[in-house]
Amino acid sequence: MQGPRIFDDVARVAQGAVGAASGLRTEVEALVRQRMERHIDKMNLVTREEFEVVKAMAERAREENEILKQRLAELEQNVQNS
């Protein structure tokens, strides 16, 4: 009867080791995430929302620039024809 009991003990030890490894994994992931966030904060990066706002502003400025270039060309043409 000693055999089945040893298997039960080994199974309990293995189960405990798996649980400990899972807990350790969770702690390591949290620590890595925390350190990465700290490093990213130090890099002074912009958020996605800030990037999108600036991108939209640049697109509007580019469109306005094209309109002004066209208007300037038309005015120059009018001056030359006068």
PDB file of N, CA and C in Angstrom:
ATOM      1  N   MET A   1       0.803  -1.210   0.000  1.00  0.00           N
ATOM      2  CA  MET A   1       0.000   0.000   0.000  1.00  0.00           C
ATOM      3  C   MET A   1       0.839   1.264   0.000  1.00  0.00           C
ATOM      4  N   GLN A   2       2.092   1.140   0.104  1.00  0.00           N
ATOM      5  CA  GLN A   2       2.974   2.293   0.142  1.00  0.00           C
ATOM      6  C   GLN A   2       3.037   2.990  -1.218  1.00  0.00           C
ATOM      7  N   GLY A   3       2.943   2.245  -2.334  1.00  0.00           N
ATOM      8  CA  GLY A   3       3.066   2.786  -3.686  1.00  0.00           C
ATOM      9  C   GLY A   3       2.056   3.876  -3.992  1.00  0.00           C
ATOM     10  N   PRO A   4       0.756   3.645  -3.862  1.00  0.00           N
ATOM     11  CA  PRO A   4      -0.227   4.672  -4.207  1.00  0.00           C
ATOM     12  C   PRO A   4      -0.073   5.941  -3.362  1.00  0.00           C
ATOM     13  N   ARG A   5       0.322   5.773  -2.133  1.00  0.00           N
ATOM     14  CA  ARG A   5       0.485   6.930  -1.261  1.00  0.00           C
ATOM     15  C   ARG A   5       1.653   7.806  -1.713  1.00  0.00           C
ATOM     16  N   ILE A   6       2.709   7.198  -2.173  1.00  0.00           N
ATOM     17  CA  ILE A   6       3.860   7.954  -2.667  1.00  0.00           C
ATOM     18  C   ILE A   6       3.452   8.757  -3.901  1.00  0.00           C
ATOM     19  N   PHE A   7       2.650   8.145  -4.777  1.00  0.00           N
ATOM     20  CA  PHE A   7       2.186   8.858  -5.961  1.00  0.00           C
ATOM     21  C   PHE A   7       1.317  10.055  -5.581  1.00  0.00           C
ATOM     22  N   ASP A   8       0.491   9.874  -4.552  1.00  0.00           N
ATOM     23  CA  ASP A   8      -0.332  10.987  -4.081  1.00  0.00           C
ATOM     24  C   ASP A   8       0.550  12.124  -3.563  1.00  0.00           C
ATOM     25  N   ASP A   9       1.579  11.769  -2.806  1.00  0.00           N
ATOM     26  CA  ASP A   9       2.496  12.776  -2.270  1.00  0.00           C
ATOM     27  C   ASP A   9       3.236  13.495  -3.391  1.00  0.00           C
ATOM     28  N   VAL A  10       3.712  12.725  -4.350  1.00  0.00           N
ATOM     29  CA  VAL A  10       4.417  13.326  -5.487  1.00  0.00           C
ATOM     30  C   VAL A  10       3.472  14.243  -6.261  1.00  0.00           C
ATOM     31  N   ALA A  11       2.243  13.811  -6.448  1.00  0.00           N
ATOM     32  CA  ALA A  11       1.259  14.625  -7.165  1.00  0.00           C
ATOM     33  C   ALA A  11       0.997  15.929  -6.414  1.00  0.00           C
ATOM     34  N   ARG A  12       0.889  15.863  -5.088  1.00  0.00           N
ATOM     35  CA  ARG A  12       0.661  17.076  -4.289  1.00  0.00           C
ATOM     36  C   ARG A  12       1.855  18.027  -4.375  1.00  0.00           C
ATOM     37  N   VAL A  13       3.060  17.481  -4.327  1.00  0.00           N
ATOM     38  CA  VAL A  13       4.256  18.318  -4.425  1.00  0.00           C
ATOM     39  C   VAL A  13       4.319  18.975  -5.807  1.00  0.00           C
ATOM     40  N   ALA A  14       4.039  18.200  -6.839  1.00  0.00           N
ATOM     41  CA  ALA A  14       4.054  18.742  -8.199  1.00  0.00           C
ATOM     42  C   ALA A  14       2.994  19.824  -8.363  1.00  0.00           C
ATOM     43  N   GLN A  15       1.827  19.592  -7.800  1.00  0.00           N
ATOM     44  CA  GLN A  15       0.745  20.568  -7.895  1.00  0.00           C
ATOM     45  C   GLN A  15       1.139  21.858  -7.173  1.00  0.00           C
ATOM     46  N   GLY A  16       1.773  21.715  -6.034  1.00  0.00           N
ATOM     47  CA  GLY A  16       2.239  22.889  -5.304  1.00  0.00           C
ATOM     48  C   GLY A  16       3.300  23.648  -6.083  1.00  0.00           C
ATOM     49  N   ALA A  17       4.196  22.909  -6.756  1.00  0.00           N
ATOM     50  CA  ALA A  17       5.242  23.546  -7.551  1.00  0.00           C
ATOM     51  C   ALA A  17       4.639  24.304  -8.727  1.00  0.00           C
ATOM     52  N   VAL A  18       3.633  23.717  -9.361  1.00  0.00           N
ATOM     53  CA  VAL A  18       2.972  24.386 -10.487  1.00  0.00           C
ATOM     54  C   VAL A  18       2.283  25.654  -9.998  1.00  0.00           C
ATOM     55  N   GLY A  19       1.638  25.583  -8.863  1.00  0.00           N
ATOM     56  CA  GLY A  19       0.983  26.769  -8.307  1.00  0.00           C
ATOM     57  C   GLY A  19       1.988  27.858  -7.972  1.00  0.00           C
ATOM     58  N   ALA A  20       3.121  27.466  -7.399  1.00  0.00           N
ATOM     59  CA  ALA A  20       4.161  28.435  -7.067  1.00  0.00           C
ATOM     60  C   ALA A  20       4.741  29.056  -8.328  1.00  0.00           C
ATOM     61  N   ALA A  21       4.951  28.245  -9.357  1.00  0.00           N
ATOM     62  CA  ALA A  21       5.485  28.760 -10.613  1.00  0.00           C
ATOM     63  C   ALA A  21       4.509  29.734 -11.252  1.00  0.00           C
ATOM     64  N   SER A  22       3.227  29.433 -11.165  1.00  0.00           N
ATOM     65  CA  SER A  22       2.210  30.319 -11.724  1.00  0.00           C
ATOM     66  C   SER A  22       2.209  31.655 -10.987  1.00  0.00           C
ATOM     67  N   GLY A  23       2.304  31.602  -9.673  1.00  0.00           N
ATOM     68  CA  GLY A  23       2.356  32.831  -8.881  1.00  0.00           C
ATOM     69  C   GLY A  23       3.605  33.635  -9.188  1.00  0.00           C
ATOM     70  N   LEU A  24       4.730  32.942  -9.347  1.00  0.00           N
ATOM     71  CA  LEU A  24       5.979  33.615  -9.680  1.00  0.00           C
ATOM     72  C   LEU A  24       5.876  34.277 -11.050  1.00  0.00           C
ATOM     73  N   ARG A  25       5.258  33.590 -11.996  1.00  0.00           N
ATOM     74  CA  ARG A  25       5.088  34.151 -13.330  1.00  0.00           C
ATOM     75  C   ARG A  25       4.273  35.439 -13.269  1.00  0.00           C
ATOM     76  N   THR A  26       3.202  35.432 -12.502  1.00  0.00           N
ATOM     77  CA  THR A  26       2.357  36.618 -12.364  1.00  0.00           C
ATOM     78  C   THR A  26       3.148  37.774 -11.759  1.00  0.00           C
ATOM     79  N   GLU A  27       3.956  37.483 -10.746  1.00  0.00           N
ATOM     80  CA  GLU A  27       4.769  38.529 -10.117  1.00  0.00           C
ATOM     81  C   GLU A  27       5.795  39.090 -11.086  1.00  0.00           C
ATOM     82  N   VAL A  28       6.444  38.222 -11.849  1.00  0.00           N
ATOM     83  CA  VAL A  28       7.456  38.667 -12.810  1.00  0.00           C
ATOM     84  C   VAL A  28       6.807  39.524 -13.887  1.00  0.00           C
ATOM     85  N   GLU A  29       5.652  39.110 -14.400  1.00  0.00           N
ATOM     86  CA  GLU A  29       4.951  39.897 -15.418  1.00  0.00           C
ATOM     87  C   GLU A  29       4.590  41.283 -14.880  1.00  0.00           C
ATOM     88  N   ALA A  30       4.109  41.346 -13.649  1.00  0.00           N
ATOM     89  CA  ALA A  30       3.740  42.629 -13.057  1.00  0.00           C
ATOM     90  C   ALA A  30       4.975  43.510 -12.888  1.00  0.00           C
ATOM     91  N   LEU A  31       6.071  42.937 -12.466  1.00  0.00           N
ATOM     92  CA  LEU A  31       7.307  43.688 -12.279  1.00  0.00           C
ATOM     93  C   LEU A  31       7.833  44.214 -13.612  1.00  0.00           C
ATOM     94  N   VAL A  32       7.839  43.362 -14.634  1.00  0.00           N
ATOM     95  CA  VAL A  32       8.304  43.785 -15.955  1.00  0.00           C
ATOM     96  C   VAL A  32       7.406  44.893 -16.495  1.00  0.00           C
ATOM     97  N   ARG A  33       6.101  44.729 -16.365  1.00  0.00           N
ATOM     98  CA  ARG A  33       5.159  45.750 -16.842  1.00  0.00           C
ATOM     99  C   ARG A  33       5.406  47.080 -16.130  1.00  0.00           C
ATOM    100  N   GLN A  34       5.594  47.022 -14.834  1.00  0.00           N
ATOM    101  CA  GLN A  34       5.824  48.228 -14.039  1.00  0.00           C
ATOM    102  C   GLN A  34       7.112  48.932 -14.476  1.00  0.00           C
ATOM    103  N   ARG A  35       8.173  48.170 -14.685  1.00  0.00           N
ATOM    104  CA  ARG A  35       9.447  48.777 -15.106  1.00  0.00           C
ATOM    105  C   ARG A  35       9.355  49.345 -16.517  1.00  0.00           C
ATOM    106  N   MET A  36       8.662  48.644 -17.395  1.00  0.00           N
ATOM    107  CA  MET A  36       8.503  49.149 -18.763  1.00  0.00           C
ATOM    108  C   MET A  36       7.713  50.459 -18.753  1.00  0.00           C
ATOM    109  N   GLU A  37       6.654  50.526 -17.954  1.00  0.00           N
ATOM    110  CA  GLU A  37       5.862  51.751 -17.864  1.00  0.00           C
ATOM    111  C   GLU A  37       6.709  52.895 -17.337  1.00  0.00           C
ATOM    112  N   ARG A  38       7.559  52.617 -16.369  1.00  0.00           N
ATOM    113  CA  ARG A  38       8.436  53.644 -15.805  1.00  0.00           C
ATOM    114  C   ARG A  38       9.402  54.163 -16.877  1.00  0.00           C
ATOM    115  N   HIS A  39       9.992  53.262 -17.654  1.00  0.00           N
ATOM    116  CA  HIS A  39      10.915  53.669 -18.712  1.00  0.00           C
ATOM    117  C   HIS A  39      10.195  54.444 -19.804  1.00  0.00           C
ATOM    118  N   ILE A  40       9.002  54.021 -20.165  1.00  0.00           N
ATOM    119  CA  ILE A  40       8.232  54.727 -21.191  1.00  0.00           C
ATOM    120  C   ILE A  40       7.866  56.124 -20.720  1.00  0.00           C
ATOM    121  N   ASP A  41       7.509  56.251 -19.438  1.00  0.00           N
ATOM    122  CA  ASP A  41       7.193  57.572 -18.892  1.00  0.00           C
ATOM    123  C   ASP A  41       8.401  58.502 -18.969  1.00  0.00           C
ATOM    124  N   LYS A  42       9.589  57.972 -18.732  1.00  0.00           N
ATOM    125  CA  LYS A  42      10.807  58.786 -18.794  1.00  0.00           C
ATOM    126  C   LYS A  42      11.120  59.227 -20.214  1.00  0.00           C
ATOM    127  N   MET A  43      10.645  58.472 -21.208  1.00  0.00           N
ATOM    128  CA  MET A  43      10.934  58.790 -22.606  1.00  0.00           C
ATOM    129  C   MET A  43      10.096  59.960 -23.109  1.00  0.00           C
ATOM    130  N   ASN A  44       9.107  60.384 -22.356  1.00  0.00           N
ATOM    131  CA  ASN A  44       8.273  61.533 -22.704  1.00  0.00           C
ATOM    132  C   ASN A  44       7.621  61.356 -24.068  1.00  0.00           C
ATOM    133  N   LEU A  45       7.016  60.213 -24.295  1.00  0.00           N
ATOM    134  CA  LEU A  45       6.330  59.918 -25.549  1.00  0.00           C
ATOM    135  C   LEU A  45       4.941  60.539 -25.551  1.00  0.00           C
ATOM    136  N   VAL A  46       4.436  60.826 -26.736  1.00  0.00           N
ATOM    137  CA  VAL A  46       3.077  61.370 -26.835  1.00  0.00           C
ATOM    138  C   VAL A  46       2.082  60.217 -26.858  1.00  0.00           C
ATOM    139  N   THR A  47       0.871  60.530 -26.462  1.00  0.00           N
ATOM    140  CA  THR A  47      -0.182  59.518 -26.517  1.00  0.00           C
ATOM    141  C   THR A  47      -0.697  59.412 -27.945  1.00  0.00           C
ATOM    142  N   ARG A  48      -1.416  58.370 -28.215  1.00  0.00           N
ATOM    143  CA  ARG A  48      -1.992  58.171 -29.546  1.00  0.00           C
ATOM    144  C   ARG A  48      -2.944  59.314 -29.883  1.00  0.00           C
ATOM    145  N   GLU A  49      -3.725  59.750 -28.883  1.00  0.00           N
ATOM    146  CA  GLU A  49      -4.682  60.834 -29.100  1.00  0.00           C
ATOM    147  C   GLU A  49      -3.955  62.119 -29.477  1.00  0.00           C
ATOM    148  N   GLU A  50      -2.864  62.435 -28.763  1.00  0.00           N
ATOM    149  CA  GLU A  50      -2.097  63.640 -29.078  1.00  0.00           C
ATOM    150  C   GLU A  50      -1.520  63.551 -30.490  1.00  0.00           C
ATOM    151  N   PHE A  51      -1.030  62.383 -30.850  1.00  0.00           N
ATOM    152  CA  PHE A  51      -0.475  62.187 -32.181  1.00  0.00           C
ATOM    153  C   PHE A  51      -1.535  62.421 -33.247  1.00  0.00           C
ATOM    154  N   GLU A  52      -2.729  61.877 -33.043  1.00  0.00           N
ATOM    155  CA  GLU A  52      -3.801  62.024 -34.025  1.00  0.00           C
ATOM    156  C   GLU A  52      -4.206  63.486 -34.179  1.00  0.00           C
ATOM    157  N   VAL A  53      -4.229  64.246 -33.075  1.00  0.00           N
ATOM    158  CA  VAL A  53      -4.588  65.669 -33.140  1.00  0.00           C
ATOM    159  C   VAL A  53      -3.557  66.432 -33.968  1.00  0.00           C
ATOM    160  N   VAL A  54      -2.286  66.193 -33.690  1.00  0.00           N
ATOM    161  CA  VAL A  54      -1.221  66.887 -34.430  1.00  0.00           C
ATOM    162  C   VAL A  54      -1.230  66.474 -35.901  1.00  0.00           C
ATOM    163  N   LYS A  55      -1.494  65.199 -36.158  1.00  0.00           N
ATOM    164  CA  LYS A  55      -1.563  64.717 -37.544  1.00  0.00           C
ATOM    165  C   LYS A  55      -2.686  65.432 -38.301  1.00  0.00           C
ATOM    166  N   ALA A  56      -3.843  65.576 -37.668  1.00  0.00           N
ATOM    167  CA  ALA A  56      -4.977  66.262 -38.297  1.00  0.00           C
ATOM    168  C   ALA A  56      -4.639  67.732 -38.557  1.00  0.00           C
ATOM    169  N   MET A  57      -3.949  68.364 -37.597  1.00  0.00           N
ATOM    170  CA  MET A  57      -3.543  69.759 -37.779  1.00  0.00           C
ATOM    171  C   MET A  57      -2.592  69.893 -38.969  1.00  0.00           C
ATOM    172  N   ALA A  58      -1.663  68.973 -39.102  1.00  0.00           N
ATOM    173  CA  ALA A  58      -0.711  69.012 -40.216  1.00  0.00           C
ATOM    174  C   ALA A  58      -1.424  68.813 -41.547  1.00  0.00           C
ATOM    175  N   GLU A  59      -2.397  67.918 -41.586  1.00  0.00           N
ATOM    176  CA  GLU A  59      -3.162  67.697 -42.816  1.00  0.00           C
ATOM    177  C   GLU A  59      -3.932  68.953 -43.211  1.00  0.00           C
ATOM    178  N   ARG A  60      -4.564  69.602 -42.223  1.00  0.00           N
ATOM    179  CA  ARG A  60      -5.298  70.845 -42.513  1.00  0.00           C
ATOM    180  C   ARG A  60      -4.340  71.928 -43.015  1.00  0.00           C
ATOM    181  N   ALA A  61      -3.178  72.044 -42.389  1.00  0.00           N
ATOM    182  CA  ALA A  61      -2.201  73.049 -42.811  1.00  0.00           C
ATOM    183  C   ALA A  61      -1.723  72.765 -44.228  1.00  0.00           C
ATOM    184  N   ARG A  62      -1.520  71.501 -44.557  1.00  0.00           N
ATOM    185  CA  ARG A  62      -1.093  71.132 -45.905  1.00  0.00           C
ATOM    186  C   ARG A  62      -2.173  71.502 -46.926  1.00  0.00           C
ATOM    187  N   GLU A  63      -3.443  71.224 -46.598  1.00  0.00           N
ATOM    188  CA  GLU A  63      -4.544  71.568 -47.499  1.00  0.00           C
ATOM    189  C   GLU A  63      -4.643  73.078 -47.693  1.00  0.00           C
ATOM    190  N   GLU A  64      -4.523  73.834 -46.594  1.00  0.00           N
ATOM    191  CA  GLU A  64      -4.575  75.290 -46.686  1.00  0.00           C
ATOM    192  C   GLU A  64      -3.413  75.817 -47.521  1.00  0.00           C
ATOM    193  N   ASN A  65      -2.250  75.202 -47.362  1.00  0.00           N
ATOM    194  CA  ASN A  65      -1.082  75.609 -48.133  1.00  0.00           C
ATOM    195  C   ASN A  65      -1.315  75.396 -49.626  1.00  0.00           C
ATOM    196  N   GLU A  66      -1.910  74.282 -49.983  1.00  0.00           N
ATOM    197  CA  GLU A  66      -2.206  74.011 -51.393  1.00  0.00           C
ATOM    198  C   GLU A  66      -3.198  75.032 -51.952  1.00  0.00           C
ATOM    199  N   ILE A  67      -4.203  75.377 -51.164  1.00  0.00           N
ATOM    200  CA  ILE A  67      -5.197  76.378 -51.593  1.00  0.00           C
ATOM    201  C   ILE A  67      -4.517  77.725 -51.799  1.00  0.00           C
ATOM    202  N   LEU A  68      -3.646  78.102 -50.875  1.00  0.00           N
ATOM    203  CA  LEU A  68      -2.943  79.385 -50.982  1.00  0.00           C
ATOM    204  C   LEU A  68      -1.984  79.398 -52.178  1.00  0.00           C
ATOM    205  N   LYS A  69      -1.330  78.288 -52.443  1.00  0.00           N
ATOM    206  CA  LYS A  69      -0.443  78.218 -53.606  1.00  0.00           C
ATOM    207  C   LYS A  69      -1.236  78.413 -54.899  1.00  0.00           C
ATOM    208  N   GLN A  70      -2.393  77.775 -54.934  1.00  0.00           N
ATOM    209  CA  GLN A  70      -3.248  77.910 -56.120  1.00  0.00           C
ATOM    210  C   GLN A  70      -3.730  79.349 -56.269  1.00  0.00           C
ATOM    211  N   ARG A  71      -4.131  79.950 -55.179  1.00  0.00           N
ATOM    212  CA  ARG A  71      -4.625  81.341 -55.220  1.00  0.00           C
ATOM    213  C   ARG A  71      -3.507  82.286 -55.627  1.00  0.00           C
ATOM    214  N   LEU A  72      -2.301  82.055 -55.099  1.00  0.00           N
ATOM    215  CA  LEU A  72      -1.169  82.893 -55.462  1.00  0.00           C
ATOM    216  C   LEU A  72      -0.862  82.767 -56.951  1.00  0.00           C
ATOM    217  N   ALA A  73      -0.917  81.561 -57.476  1.00  0.00           N
ATOM    218  CA  ALA A  73      -0.671  81.352 -58.908  1.00  0.00           C
ATOM    219  C   ALA A  73      -1.712  82.101 -59.737  1.00  0.00           C
ATOM    220  N   GLU A  74      -2.973  82.077 -59.300  1.00  0.00           N
ATOM    221  CA  GLU A  74      -4.033  82.786 -60.010  1.00  0.00           C
ATOM    222  C   GLU A  74      -3.800  84.298 -59.967  1.00  0.00           C
ATOM    223  N   LEU A  75      -3.417  84.810 -58.806  1.00  0.00           N
ATOM    224  CA  LEU A  75      -3.144  86.261 -58.675  1.00  0.00           C
ATOM    225  C   LEU A  75      -1.960  86.663 -59.541  1.00  0.00           C
ATOM    226  N   GLU A  76      -0.918  85.845 -59.557  1.00  0.00           N
ATOM    227  CA  GLU A  76       0.236  86.148 -60.400  1.00  0.00           C
ATOM    228  C   GLU A  76      -0.177  86.154 -61.883  1.00  0.00           C
ATOM    229  N   GLN A  77      -1.021  85.216 -62.256  1.00  0.00           N
ATOM    230  CA  GLN A  77      -1.506  85.160 -63.638  1.00  0.00           C
ATOM    231  C   GLN A  77      -2.292  86.420 -63.982  1.00  0.00           C
ATOM    232  N   ASN A  78      -3.141  86.874 -63.038  1.00  0.00           N
ATOM    233  CA  ASN A  78      -3.918  88.106 -63.259  1.00  0.00           C
ATOM    234  C   ASN A  78      -3.015  89.321 -63.392  1.00  0.00           C
ATOM    235  N   VAL A  79      -1.943  89.392 -62.608  1.00  0.00           N
ATOM    236  CA  VAL A  79      -1.016  90.513 -62.663  1.00  0.00           C
ATOM    237  C   VAL A  79      -0.292  90.510 -63.998  1.00  0.00           C
ATOM    238  N   GLN A  80       0.090  89.331 -64.458  1.00  0.00           N
ATOM    239  CA  GLN A  80       0.804  89.235 -65.735  1.00  0.00           C
ATOM    240  C   GLN A  80      -0.107  89.603 -66.909  1.00  0.00           C
ATOM    241  N   ASN A  81      -1.391  89.303 -66.782  1.00  0.00           N
ATOM    242  CA  ASN A  81      -2.348  89.592 -67.870  1.00  0.00           C
ATOM    243  C   ASN A  81      -2.781  91.058 -67.870  1.00  0.00           C
ATOM    244  N   SER A  82      -2.520  91.763 -66.799  1.00  0.00           N
ATOM    245  CA  SER A  82      -2.989  93.158 -66.707  1.00  0.00           C
ATOM    246  C   SER A  82      -2.077  94.110 -67.434  1.00  0.00           C
TER     247      SER A  82
END
